[in-house]
């Protein structure tokens, strides 16, 4: 292993340890809980009350655009969560800014 590769591995390991110590992983866990509470019924399960099936959210950030055609950015996803879109309800007033950020962190983990 080269010195550069060894240093890169050490930096990654230190970042992982720092994240664990500061609780950064908790944001993603909280986001997963919010997803299960607010999103999974429509985006993951067949809800017979919906006329149109909402998109699956796996790989949401891999594309350049969202299913709506808007850019696939954290900012745009946050706006969609807060304002709603078409049949998706708005979550403004139901989710805090931290909740939305945690939810977006979780959405990034969906491959």
Protein backbone atom coordinates (compact mmCIF):
# COMPACT_ATOMS: atom_id res chain seq x y z
CA UNK A 1 0.00 0.00 0.00
CA UNK A 2 1.38 3.38 -0.96
CA UNK A 3 1.81 6.16 1.57
CA UNK A 4 -0.94 8.19 -0.13
CA UNK A 5 -3.38 5.26 -0.01
CA UNK A 6 -2.48 4.58 3.64
CA UNK A 7 -3.02 8.25 4.53
CA UNK A 8 -6.38 8.27 2.71
CA UNK A 9 -7.45 5.16 4.62
CA UNK A 10 -6.44 6.77 7.92
CA UNK A 11 -8.38 9.95 7.09
CA UNK A 12 -11.49 7.89 6.23
CA UNK A 13 -11.16 5.91 9.45
CA UNK A 14 -10.76 9.09 11.52
CA UNK A 15 -13.81 10.63 9.84
CA UNK A 16 -15.84 7.53 10.68
CA UNK A 17 -14.71 7.61 14.31
CA UNK A 18 -15.40 11.35 14.58
CA UNK A 19 -18.85 10.86 13.09
CA UNK A 20 -19.66 8.13 15.60
CA UNK A 21 -18.40 10.21 18.53
CA UNK A 22 -20.34 13.33 17.54
CA UNK A 23 -23.56 11.49 16.81
CA UNK A 24 -23.66 12.34 13.10
CA UNK A 25 -25.00 8.86 12.40
CA UNK A 26 -28.05 9.73 14.48
CA UNK A 27 -29.29 12.12 11.79
CA UNK A 28 -29.59 9.30 9.28
CA UNK A 29 -31.28 7.05 11.85
CA UNK A 30 -33.73 9.82 12.71
CA UNK A 31 -34.33 10.34 8.99
CA UNK A 32 -35.10 6.62 8.59
CA UNK A 33 -37.63 6.86 11.42
CA UNK A 34 -39.25 9.90 9.77
CA UNK A 35 -39.33 8.08 6.43
CA UNK A 36 -41.09 5.11 8.04
CA UNK A 37 -43.57 7.42 9.73
CA UNK A 38 -44.38 9.85 6.91
CA UNK A 39 -43.21 8.47 3.55
CA UNK A 40 -43.20 4.70 3.36
CA UNK A 41 -46.98 4.26 3.00
CA UNK A 42 -47.05 6.12 -0.31
CA UNK A 43 -43.54 5.72 -1.70
CA UNK A 44 -42.93 2.07 -0.80
CA UNK A 45 -46.31 0.38 -0.42
CA UNK A 46 -49.25 0.05 -2.75
CA UNK A 47 -51.77 2.45 -1.26
CA UNK A 48 -55.10 1.69 -2.96
CA UNK A 49 -56.42 5.17 -2.11
CA UNK A 50 -53.92 6.81 -4.47
CA UNK A 51 -54.90 7.22 -8.12
CA UNK A 52 -51.27 7.66 -9.18
CA UNK A 53 -48.39 5.78 -7.59
CA UNK A 54 -45.70 8.10 -6.15
CA UNK A 55 -42.15 7.38 -7.32
CA UNK A 56 -39.86 5.05 -5.44
CA UNK A 57 -37.10 7.04 -3.77
CA UNK A 58 -34.19 4.62 -4.13
CA UNK A 59 -31.41 6.28 -6.08
CA UNK A 60 -33.16 9.64 -5.91
CA UNK A 61 -29.89 11.56 -5.95
CA UNK A 62 -28.17 9.45 -8.63
CA UNK A 63 -30.13 11.14 -11.41
CA UNK A 64 -29.62 14.74 -12.44
CA UNK A 65 -33.32 15.45 -12.05
CA UNK A 66 -36.14 14.38 -9.78
CA UNK A 67 -39.21 12.62 -11.22
CA UNK A 68 -40.83 16.07 -11.35
CA UNK A 69 -38.06 17.32 -13.65
CA UNK A 70 -36.59 19.60 -10.98
CA UNK A 71 -32.86 19.31 -10.20
CA UNK A 72 -31.97 16.42 -7.88
CA UNK A 73 -30.51 18.57 -5.10
CA UNK A 74 -30.92 18.62 -1.34
CA UNK A 75 -32.47 22.08 -1.64
CA UNK A 76 -35.09 20.97 -4.16
CA UNK A 77 -35.98 17.80 -2.25
CA UNK A 78 -36.35 19.90 0.91
CA UNK A 79 -38.69 22.28 -0.90
CA UNK A 80 -40.76 19.37 -2.18
CA UNK A 81 -41.03 17.89 1.31
CA UNK A 82 -42.08 21.20 2.84
CA UNK A 83 -44.36 22.47 0.07
CA UNK A 84 -45.69 19.20 -1.31
CA UNK A 85 -46.15 18.51 -5.00
CA UNK A 86 -49.25 17.40 -6.88
CA UNK A 87 -50.77 14.68 -4.69
CA UNK A 88 -47.94 14.76 -2.13
CA UNK A 89 -48.97 16.70 0.96
CA UNK A 90 -46.90 19.55 2.34
CA UNK A 91 -45.02 18.80 5.54
CA UNK A 92 -44.33 22.43 6.45
CA UNK A 93 -45.48 22.84 10.03
CA UNK A 94 -45.29 19.09 10.63
CA UNK A 95 -41.53 18.68 10.18
CA UNK A 96 -38.83 20.98 11.49
CA UNK A 97 -35.87 22.10 9.38
CA UNK A 98 -33.72 19.56 11.28
CA UNK A 99 -36.28 16.84 10.52
CA UNK A 100 -36.15 17.67 6.81
CA UNK A 101 -32.34 17.63 6.83
CA UNK A 102 -32.32 14.26 8.62
CA UNK A 103 -34.84 12.89 6.13
CA UNK A 104 -32.69 14.08 3.22
CA UNK A 105 -29.64 12.45 4.85
CA UNK A 106 -31.55 9.19 4.93
CA UNK A 107 -32.72 9.56 1.32
CA UNK A 108 -29.06 9.79 0.29
CA UNK A 109 -28.52 6.29 1.72
CA UNK A 110 -31.19 4.72 -0.48
CA UNK A 111 -29.25 3.19 -3.32
